[in-house]
Amino acid sequence: MKAITHREFRDNFATVMDAVEAGEVVRVIRNGVEVAELRPVGRRGRLTAAELVERHRKLPRVDHARMQREADEFSGTGDHIGDGARESRR
């Protein structure tokens, strides 16, 4: 891991960013104190439509009626969006 001063970072910004993009981790020091760490972000590729469909198929099924009952038990109300209760409060 490389450490540079904030002045070096400012003066050599493009070079430092190229190094980070290439995988290097750089710490920036100001007044003798480390204030930042620059590291490359993991690049996520875009998924194809087929990959998205496959991910969707692997999602757990939701029992909407059970979820509604649990929400009602938790909140103590039967008010639901679209049943007129919300519109009457406005």
PDB file of N, CA and C in Angstrom:
ATOM      1  N   MET A   1       0.856  -1.172   0.000  1.00  0.00           N
ATOM      2  CA  MET A   1       0.000   0.000   0.000  1.00  0.00           C
ATOM      3  C   MET A   1       0.901   1.234   0.000  1.00  0.00           C
ATOM      4  N   LYS A   2       0.553   2.161  -0.838  1.00  0.00           N
ATOM      5  CA  LYS A   2       1.343   3.371  -0.994  1.00  0.00           C
ATOM      6  C   LYS A   2       0.709   4.505  -0.196  1.00  0.00           C
ATOM      7  N   ALA A   3       1.535   5.356   0.407  1.00  0.00           N
ATOM      8  CA  ALA A   3       1.034   6.533   1.129  1.00  0.00           C
ATOM      9  C   ALA A   3       1.641   7.780   0.484  1.00  0.00           C
ATOM     10  N   ILE A   4       0.779   8.780   0.243  1.00  0.00           N
ATOM     11  CA  ILE A   4       1.239  10.036  -0.354  1.00  0.00           C
ATOM     12  C   ILE A   4       0.629  11.206   0.402  1.00  0.00           C
ATOM     13  N   THR A   5       1.267  12.352   0.296  1.00  0.00           N
ATOM     14  CA  THR A   5       0.721  13.548   0.940  1.00  0.00           C
ATOM     15  C   THR A   5      -0.423  14.096   0.091  1.00  0.00           C
ATOM     16  N   HIS A   6      -1.243  14.927   0.734  1.00  0.00           N
ATOM     17  CA  HIS A   6      -2.361  15.504  -0.017  1.00  0.00           C
ATOM     18  C   HIS A   6      -1.847  16.372  -1.158  1.00  0.00           C
ATOM     19  N   ARG A   7      -0.697  16.985  -0.972  1.00  0.00           N
ATOM     20  CA  ARG A   7      -0.099  17.816  -2.027  1.00  0.00           C
ATOM     21  C   ARG A   7       0.311  16.949  -3.220  1.00  0.00           C
ATOM     22  N   GLU A   8       0.932  15.783  -2.926  1.00  0.00           N
ATOM     23  CA  GLU A   8       1.287  14.859  -4.003  1.00  0.00           C
ATOM     24  C   GLU A   8       0.033  14.386  -4.741  1.00  0.00           C
ATOM     25  N   PHE A   9      -1.006  14.127  -3.963  1.00  0.00           N
ATOM     26  CA  PHE A   9      -2.261  13.685  -4.566  1.00  0.00           C
ATOM     27  C   PHE A   9      -2.807  14.767  -5.498  1.00  0.00           C
ATOM     28  N   ARG A  10      -2.825  15.995  -5.011  1.00  0.00           N
ATOM     29  CA  ARG A  10      -3.331  17.111  -5.813  1.00  0.00           C
ATOM     30  C   ARG A  10      -2.502  17.301  -7.078  1.00  0.00           C
ATOM     31  N   ASP A  11      -1.187  17.285  -6.925  1.00  0.00           N
ATOM     32  CA  ASP A  11      -0.307  17.557  -8.060  1.00  0.00           C
ATOM     33  C   ASP A  11      -0.251  16.410  -9.074  1.00  0.00           C
ATOM     34  N   ASN A  12      -0.534  15.202  -8.635  1.00  0.00           N
ATOM     35  CA  ASN A  12      -0.428  14.017  -9.504  1.00  0.00           C
ATOM     36  C   ASN A  12      -1.739  13.232  -9.563  1.00  0.00           C
ATOM     37  N   PHE A  13      -2.832  13.958  -9.529  1.00  0.00           N
ATOM     38  CA  PHE A  13      -4.152  13.328  -9.437  1.00  0.00           C
ATOM     39  C   PHE A  13      -4.358  12.243 -10.491  1.00  0.00           C
ATOM     40  N   ALA A  14      -4.110  12.566 -11.758  1.00  0.00           N
ATOM     41  CA  ALA A  14      -4.364  11.608 -12.841  1.00  0.00           C
ATOM     42  C   ALA A  14      -3.510  10.353 -12.678  1.00  0.00           C
ATOM     43  N   THR A  15      -2.252  10.523 -12.320  1.00  0.00           N
ATOM     44  CA  THR A  15      -1.360   9.379 -12.138  1.00  0.00           C
ATOM     45  C   THR A  15      -1.810   8.509 -10.976  1.00  0.00           C
ATOM     46  N   VAL A  16      -2.208   9.153  -9.884  1.00  0.00           N
ATOM     47  CA  VAL A  16      -2.675   8.414  -8.712  1.00  0.00           C
ATOM     48  C   VAL A  16      -3.957   7.647  -9.061  1.00  0.00           C
ATOM     49  N   MET A  17      -4.870   8.292  -9.753  1.00  0.00           N
ATOM     50  CA  MET A  17      -6.126   7.629 -10.105  1.00  0.00           C
ATOM     51  C   MET A  17      -5.886   6.472 -11.078  1.00  0.00           C
ATOM     52  N   ASP A  18      -4.920   6.616 -11.975  1.00  0.00           N
ATOM     53  CA  ASP A  18      -4.558   5.505 -12.858  1.00  0.00           C
ATOM     54  C   ASP A  18      -4.047   4.321 -12.051  1.00  0.00           C
ATOM     55  N   ALA A  19      -3.239   4.591 -11.031  1.00  0.00           N
ATOM     56  CA  ALA A  19      -2.707   3.520 -10.181  1.00  0.00           C
ATOM     57  C   ALA A  19      -3.836   2.827  -9.414  1.00  0.00           C
ATOM     58  N   VAL A  20      -4.765   3.614  -8.906  1.00  0.00           N
ATOM     59  CA  VAL A  20      -5.902   3.040  -8.181  1.00  0.00           C
ATOM     60  C   VAL A  20      -6.747   2.194  -9.128  1.00  0.00           C
ATOM     61  N   GLU A  21      -6.984   2.721 -10.313  1.00  0.00           N
ATOM     62  CA  GLU A  21      -7.770   1.971 -11.298  1.00  0.00           C
ATOM     63  C   GLU A  21      -7.089   0.644 -11.651  1.00  0.00           C
ATOM     64  N   ALA A  22      -5.765   0.640 -11.619  1.00  0.00           N
ATOM     65  CA  ALA A  22      -5.003  -0.577 -11.919  1.00  0.00           C
ATOM     66  C   ALA A  22      -4.977  -1.554 -10.748  1.00  0.00           C
ATOM     67  N   GLY A  23      -5.560  -1.159  -9.604  1.00  0.00           N
ATOM     68  CA  GLY A  23      -5.655  -2.078  -8.470  1.00  0.00           C
ATOM     69  C   GLY A  23      -4.879  -1.682  -7.238  1.00  0.00           C
ATOM     70  N   GLU A  24      -4.135  -0.598  -7.298  1.00  0.00           N
ATOM     71  CA  GLU A  24      -3.328  -0.173  -6.142  1.00  0.00           C
ATOM     72  C   GLU A  24      -4.189   0.568  -5.118  1.00  0.00           C
ATOM     73  N   VAL A  25      -3.867   0.384  -3.855  1.00  0.00           N
ATOM     74  CA  VAL A  25      -4.522   1.119  -2.770  1.00  0.00           C
ATOM     75  C   VAL A  25      -3.579   2.242  -2.344  1.00  0.00           C
ATOM     76  N   VAL A  26      -4.099   3.444  -2.232  1.00  0.00           N
ATOM     77  CA  VAL A  26      -3.286   4.610  -1.902  1.00  0.00           C
ATOM     78  C   VAL A  26      -3.892   5.308  -0.689  1.00  0.00           C
ATOM     79  N   ARG A  27      -3.064   5.584   0.301  1.00  0.00           N
ATOM     80  CA  ARG A  27      -3.508   6.366   1.463  1.00  0.00           C
ATOM     81  C   ARG A  27      -3.016   7.793   1.310  1.00  0.00           C
ATOM     82  N   VAL A  28      -3.881   8.744   1.647  1.00  0.00           N
ATOM     83  CA  VAL A  28      -3.543  10.157   1.537  1.00  0.00           C
ATOM     84  C   VAL A  28      -3.312  10.703   2.940  1.00  0.00           C
ATOM     85  N   ILE A  29      -2.179  11.407   3.102  1.00  0.00           N
ATOM     86  CA  ILE A  29      -1.781  11.936   4.408  1.00  0.00           C
ATOM     87  C   ILE A  29      -1.816  13.458   4.359  1.00  0.00           C
ATOM     88  N   ARG A  30      -2.421  14.066   5.378  1.00  0.00           N
ATOM     89  CA  ARG A  30      -2.432  15.526   5.498  1.00  0.00           C
ATOM     90  C   ARG A  30      -1.946  15.877   6.896  1.00  0.00           C
ATOM     91  N   ASN A  31      -0.952  16.732   6.961  1.00  0.00           N
ATOM     92  CA  ASN A  31      -0.360  17.144   8.242  1.00  0.00           C
ATOM     93  C   ASN A  31       0.049  15.945   9.098  1.00  0.00           C
ATOM     94  N   GLY A  32       0.577  14.924   8.428  1.00  0.00           N
ATOM     95  CA  GLY A  32       1.074  13.756   9.144  1.00  0.00           C
ATOM     96  C   GLY A  32       0.017  12.754   9.571  1.00  0.00           C
ATOM     97  N   VAL A  33      -1.232  13.005   9.212  1.00  0.00           N
ATOM     98  CA  VAL A  33      -2.327  12.120   9.609  1.00  0.00           C
ATOM     99  C   VAL A  33      -2.985  11.528   8.361  1.00  0.00           C
ATOM    100  N   GLU A  34      -3.174  10.211   8.366  1.00  0.00           N
ATOM    101  CA  GLU A  34      -3.875   9.582   7.246  1.00  0.00           C
ATOM    102  C   GLU A  34      -5.331  10.022   7.263  1.00  0.00           C
ATOM    103  N   VAL A  35      -5.783  10.586   6.142  1.00  0.00           N
ATOM    104  CA  VAL A  35      -7.153  11.111   6.098  1.00  0.00           C
ATOM    105  C   VAL A  35      -8.031  10.394   5.080  1.00  0.00           C
ATOM    106  N   ALA A  36      -7.424   9.644   4.169  1.00  0.00           N
ATOM    107  CA  ALA A  36      -8.226   8.969   3.155  1.00  0.00           C
ATOM    108  C   ALA A  36      -7.493   7.746   2.642  1.00  0.00           C
ATOM    109  N   GLU A  37      -8.290   6.811   2.153  1.00  0.00           N
ATOM    110  CA  GLU A  37      -7.741   5.637   1.502  1.00  0.00           C
ATOM    111  C   GLU A  37      -8.481   5.469   0.187  1.00  0.00           C
ATOM    112  N   LEU A  38      -7.731   5.467  -0.887  1.00  0.00           N
ATOM    113  CA  LEU A  38      -8.319   5.290  -2.211  1.00  0.00           C
ATOM    114  C   LEU A  38      -8.092   3.856  -2.637  1.00  0.00           C
ATOM    115  N   ARG A  39      -9.169   3.205  -3.023  1.00  0.00           N
ATOM    116  CA  ARG A  39      -9.066   1.823  -3.469  1.00  0.00           C
ATOM    117  C   ARG A  39     -10.012   1.613  -4.638  1.00  0.00           C
ATOM    118  N   PRO A  40      -9.691   0.678  -5.512  1.00  0.00           N
ATOM    119  CA  PRO A  40     -10.586   0.440  -6.648  1.00  0.00           C
ATOM    120  C   PRO A  40     -11.904  -0.158  -6.185  1.00  0.00           C
ATOM    121  N   VAL A  41     -12.950   0.217  -6.865  1.00  0.00           N
ATOM    122  CA  VAL A  41     -14.257  -0.362  -6.567  1.00  0.00           C
ATOM    123  C   VAL A  41     -14.421  -1.617  -7.411  1.00  0.00           C
ATOM    124  N   GLY A  42     -15.121  -2.590  -6.842  1.00  0.00           N
ATOM    125  CA  GLY A  42     -15.402  -3.788  -7.610  1.00  0.00           C
ATOM    126  C   GLY A  42     -16.310  -3.448  -8.773  1.00  0.00           C
ATOM    127  N   ARG A  43     -15.921  -3.879  -9.916  1.00  0.00           N
ATOM    128  CA  ARG A  43     -16.731  -3.584 -11.100  1.00  0.00           C
ATOM    129  C   ARG A  43     -17.753  -4.674 -11.286  1.00  0.00           C
ATOM    130  N   ARG A  44     -18.993  -4.269 -11.430  1.00  0.00           N
ATOM    131  CA  ARG A  44     -20.063  -5.221 -11.658  1.00  0.00           C
ATOM    132  C   ARG A  44     -20.482  -5.113 -13.117  1.00  0.00           C
ATOM    133  N   GLY A  45     -20.438  -6.201 -13.760  1.00  0.00           N
ATOM    134  CA  GLY A  45     -20.878  -6.214 -15.149  1.00  0.00           C
ATOM    135  C   GLY A  45     -22.393  -6.212 -15.232  1.00  0.00           C
ATOM    136  N   ARG A  46     -22.889  -5.811 -16.348  1.00  0.00           N
ATOM    137  CA  ARG A  46     -24.338  -5.837 -16.547  1.00  0.00           C
ATOM    138  C   ARG A  46     -24.780  -7.271 -16.793  1.00  0.00           C
ATOM    139  N   LEU A  47     -25.938  -7.582 -16.273  1.00  0.00           N
ATOM    140  CA  LEU A  47     -26.468  -8.925 -16.447  1.00  0.00           C
ATOM    141  C   LEU A  47     -27.300  -8.988 -17.721  1.00  0.00           C
ATOM    142  N   THR A  48     -27.268 -10.145 -18.342  1.00  0.00           N
ATOM    143  CA  THR A  48     -28.110 -10.345 -19.523  1.00  0.00           C
ATOM    144  C   THR A  48     -29.542 -10.579 -19.065  1.00  0.00           C
ATOM    145  N   ALA A  49     -30.469 -10.505 -20.001  1.00  0.00           N
ATOM    146  CA  ALA A  49     -31.876 -10.752 -19.676  1.00  0.00           C
ATOM    147  C   ALA A  49     -32.051 -12.166 -19.130  1.00  0.00           C
ATOM    148  N   ALA A  50     -31.358 -13.119 -19.709  1.00  0.00           N
ATOM    149  CA  ALA A  50     -31.464 -14.512 -19.244  1.00  0.00           C
ATOM    150  C   ALA A  50     -30.960 -14.651 -17.806  1.00  0.00           C
ATOM    151  N   GLU A  51     -29.876 -13.949 -17.474  1.00  0.00           N
ATOM    152  CA  GLU A  51     -29.346 -14.002 -16.112  1.00  0.00           C
ATOM    153  C   GLU A  51     -30.320 -13.363 -15.124  1.00  0.00           C
ATOM    154  N   LEU A  52     -30.960 -12.274 -15.527  1.00  0.00           N
ATOM    155  CA  LEU A  52     -31.952 -11.640 -14.657  1.00  0.00           C
ATOM    156  C   LEU A  52     -33.148 -12.552 -14.425  1.00  0.00           C
ATOM    157  N   VAL A  53     -33.607 -13.210 -15.469  1.00  0.00           N
ATOM    158  CA  VAL A  53     -34.736 -14.149 -15.332  1.00  0.00           C
ATOM    159  C   VAL A  53     -34.354 -15.280 -14.395  1.00  0.00           C
ATOM    160  N   GLU A  54     -33.147 -15.815 -14.549  1.00  0.00           N
ATOM    161  CA  GLU A  54     -32.700 -16.911 -13.681  1.00  0.00           C
ATOM    162  C   GLU A  54     -32.619 -16.465 -12.224  1.00  0.00           C
ATOM    163  N   ARG A  55     -32.119 -15.259 -11.974  1.00  0.00           N
ATOM    164  CA  ARG A  55     -32.082 -14.727 -10.600  1.00  0.00           C
ATOM    165  C   ARG A  55     -33.495 -14.589 -10.041  1.00  0.00           C
ATOM    166  N   HIS A  56     -34.409 -14.116 -10.873  1.00  0.00           N
ATOM    167  CA  HIS A  56     -35.798 -13.935 -10.431  1.00  0.00           C
ATOM    168  C   HIS A  56     -36.412 -15.273 -10.057  1.00  0.00           C
ATOM    169  N   ARG A  57     -36.118 -16.305 -10.829  1.00  0.00           N
ATOM    170  CA  ARG A  57     -36.661 -17.640 -10.532  1.00  0.00           C
ATOM    171  C   ARG A  57     -36.172 -18.174  -9.199  1.00  0.00           C
ATOM    172  N   LYS A  58     -34.992 -17.759  -8.777  1.00  0.00           N
ATOM    173  CA  LYS A  58     -34.410 -18.255  -7.535  1.00  0.00           C
ATOM    174  C   LYS A  58     -34.901 -17.496  -6.297  1.00  0.00           C
ATOM    175  N   LEU A  59     -35.637 -16.407  -6.490  1.00  0.00           N
ATOM    176  CA  LEU A  59     -36.143 -15.646  -5.354  1.00  0.00           C
ATOM    177  C   LEU A  59     -37.183 -16.468  -4.601  1.00  0.00           C
ATOM    178  N   PRO A  60     -37.253 -16.301  -3.279  1.00  0.00           N
ATOM    179  CA  PRO A  60     -38.270 -17.046  -2.528  1.00  0.00           C
ATOM    180  C   PRO A  60     -39.669 -16.549  -2.876  1.00  0.00           C
ATOM    181  N   ARG A  61     -40.612 -17.450  -2.836  1.00  0.00           N
ATOM    182  CA  ARG A  61     -42.010 -17.100  -3.100  1.00  0.00           C
ATOM    183  C   ARG A  61     -42.567 -16.339  -1.901  1.00  0.00           C
ATOM    184  N   VAL A  62     -43.449 -15.396  -2.168  1.00  0.00           N
ATOM    185  CA  VAL A  62     -44.050 -14.592  -1.107  1.00  0.00           C
ATOM    186  C   VAL A  62     -45.514 -14.963  -0.976  1.00  0.00           C
ATOM    187  N   ASP A  63     -45.918 -15.294   0.233  1.00  0.00           N
ATOM    188  CA  ASP A  63     -47.323 -15.549   0.528  1.00  0.00           C
ATOM    189  C   ASP A  63     -47.928 -14.212   0.940  1.00  0.00           C
ATOM    190  N   HIS A  64     -48.568 -13.541  -0.015  1.00  0.00           N
ATOM    191  CA  HIS A  64     -49.053 -12.186   0.218  1.00  0.00           C
ATOM    192  C   HIS A  64     -50.125 -12.126   1.314  1.00  0.00           C
ATOM    193  N   ALA A  65     -51.006 -13.113   1.360  1.00  0.00           N
ATOM    194  CA  ALA A  65     -52.050 -13.123   2.390  1.00  0.00           C
ATOM    195  C   ALA A  65     -51.432 -13.250   3.781  1.00  0.00           C
ATOM    196  N   ARG A  66     -50.437 -14.131   3.912  1.00  0.00           N
ATOM    197  CA  ARG A  66     -49.769 -14.296   5.207  1.00  0.00           C
ATOM    198  C   ARG A  66     -49.028 -13.014   5.596  1.00  0.00           C
ATOM    199  N   MET A  67     -48.364 -12.403   4.622  1.00  0.00           N
ATOM    200  CA  MET A  67     -47.641 -11.170   4.891  1.00  0.00           C
ATOM    201  C   MET A  67     -48.616 -10.079   5.360  1.00  0.00           C
ATOM    202  N   GLN A  68     -49.799 -10.002   4.747  1.00  0.00           N
ATOM    203  CA  GLN A  68     -50.789  -9.005   5.141  1.00  0.00           C
ATOM    204  C   GLN A  68     -51.297  -9.268   6.554  1.00  0.00           C
ATOM    205  N   ARG A  69     -51.552 -10.541   6.875  1.00  0.00           N
ATOM    206  CA  ARG A  69     -51.996 -10.881   8.232  1.00  0.00           C
ATOM    207  C   ARG A  69     -50.955 -10.495   9.264  1.00  0.00           C
ATOM    208  N   GLU A  70     -49.680 -10.809   8.985  1.00  0.00           N
ATOM    209  CA  GLU A  70     -48.609 -10.478   9.913  1.00  0.00           C
ATOM    210  C   GLU A  70     -48.468  -8.965  10.069  1.00  0.00           C
ATOM    211  N   ALA A  71     -48.626  -8.237   8.985  1.00  0.00           N
ATOM    212  CA  ALA A  71     -48.550  -6.775   9.062  1.00  0.00           C
ATOM    213  C   ALA A  71     -49.697  -6.233   9.898  1.00  0.00           C
ATOM    214  N   ASP A  72     -50.888  -6.788   9.717  1.00  0.00           N
ATOM    215  CA  ASP A  72     -52.044  -6.347  10.502  1.00  0.00           C
ATOM    216  C   ASP A  72     -51.858  -6.654  11.986  1.00  0.00           C
ATOM    217  N   GLU A  73     -51.310  -7.830  12.290  1.00  0.00           N
ATOM    218  CA  GLU A  73     -51.062  -8.187  13.684  1.00  0.00           C
ATOM    219  C   GLU A  73     -50.034  -7.247  14.301  1.00  0.00           C
ATOM    220  N   PHE A  74     -49.026  -6.910  13.547  1.00  0.00           N
ATOM    221  CA  PHE A  74     -47.974  -6.041  14.048  1.00  0.00           C
ATOM    222  C   PHE A  74     -48.475  -4.623  14.251  1.00  0.00           C
ATOM    223  N   SER A  75     -49.190  -4.085  13.272  1.00  0.00           N
ATOM    224  CA  SER A  75     -49.602  -2.682  13.340  1.00  0.00           C
ATOM    225  C   SER A  75     -50.932  -2.489  14.055  1.00  0.00           C
ATOM    226  N   GLY A  76     -51.676  -3.573  14.203  1.00  0.00           N
ATOM    227  CA  GLY A  76     -52.959  -3.472  14.892  1.00  0.00           C
ATOM    228  C   GLY A  76     -54.021  -2.757  14.076  1.00  0.00           C
ATOM    229  N   THR A  77     -53.878  -2.754  12.775  1.00  0.00           N
ATOM    230  CA  THR A  77     -54.856  -2.082  11.933  1.00  0.00           C
ATOM    231  C   THR A  77     -55.153  -2.914  10.706  1.00  0.00           C
ATOM    232  N   GLY A  78     -56.300  -2.690  10.155  1.00  0.00           N
ATOM    233  CA  GLY A  78     -56.692  -3.368   8.922  1.00  0.00           C
ATOM    234  C   GLY A  78     -56.699  -2.410   7.752  1.00  0.00           C
ATOM    235  N   ASP A  79     -56.207  -1.182   7.971  1.00  0.00           N
ATOM    236  CA  ASP A  79     -56.184  -0.194   6.886  1.00  0.00           C
ATOM    237  C   ASP A  79     -55.170  -0.610   5.831  1.00  0.00           C
ATOM    238  N   HIS A  80     -55.616  -0.639   4.596  1.00  0.00           N
ATOM    239  CA  HIS A  80     -54.737  -1.012   3.497  1.00  0.00           C
ATOM    240  C   HIS A  80     -54.835   0.021   2.398  1.00  0.00           C
ATOM    241  N   ILE A  81     -53.775   0.158   1.687  1.00  0.00           N
ATOM    242  CA  ILE A  81     -53.783   1.056   0.536  1.00  0.00           C
ATOM    243  C   ILE A  81     -54.773   0.541  -0.473  1.00  0.00           C
ATOM    244  N   GLY A  82     -55.602   1.411  -0.962  1.00  0.00           N
ATOM    245  CA  GLY A  82     -56.563   1.030  -1.981  1.00  0.00           C
ATOM    246  C   GLY A  82     -57.904   0.585  -1.442  1.00  0.00           C
ATOM    247  N   ASP A  83     -58.079   0.513  -0.112  1.00  0.00           N
ATOM    248  CA  ASP A  83     -59.384   0.110   0.426  1.00  0.00           C
ATOM    249  C   ASP A  83     -60.214   1.303   0.844  1.00  0.00           C
ATOM    250  N   GLY A  84     -59.755   2.496   0.506  1.00  0.00           N
ATOM    251  CA  GLY A  84     -60.518   3.694   0.840  1.00  0.00           C
ATOM    252  C   GLY A  84     -60.136   4.308   2.172  1.00  0.00           C
ATOM    253  N   ALA A  85     -59.493   3.552   3.041  1.00  0.00           N
ATOM    254  CA  ALA A  85     -59.148   4.074   4.375  1.00  0.00           C
ATOM    255  C   ALA A  85     -58.134   5.193   4.271  1.00  0.00           C
ATOM    256  N   ARG A  86     -57.179   5.028   3.400  1.00  0.00           N
ATOM    257  CA  ARG A  86     -56.133   6.043   3.296  1.00  0.00           C
ATOM    258  C   ARG A  86     -56.678   7.324   2.676  1.00  0.00           C
ATOM    259  N   GLU A  87     -57.523   7.160   1.641  1.00  0.00           N
ATOM    260  CA  GLU A  87     -58.067   8.335   0.977  1.00  0.00           C
ATOM    261  C   GLU A  87     -58.948   9.157   1.915  1.00  0.00           C
ATOM    262  N   SER A  88     -59.629   8.471   2.861  1.00  0.00           N
ATOM    263  CA  SER A  88     -60.538   9.191   3.762  1.00  0.00           C
ATOM    264  C   SER A  88     -59.786  10.031   4.782  1.00  0.00           C
ATOM    265  N   ARG A  89     -58.498   9.754   5.007  1.00  0.00           N
ATOM    266  CA  ARG A  89     -57.720  10.522   5.977  1.00  0.00           C
ATOM    267  C   ARG A  89     -57.233  11.845   5.417  1.00  0.00           C
ATOM    268  N   ARG A  90     -57.304  12.028   4.126  1.00  0.00           N
ATOM    269  CA  ARG A  90     -56.748  13.237   3.519  1.00  0.00           C
ATOM    270  C   ARG A  90     -57.649  14.426   3.689  1.00  0.00           C
TER     271      ARG A  90
END
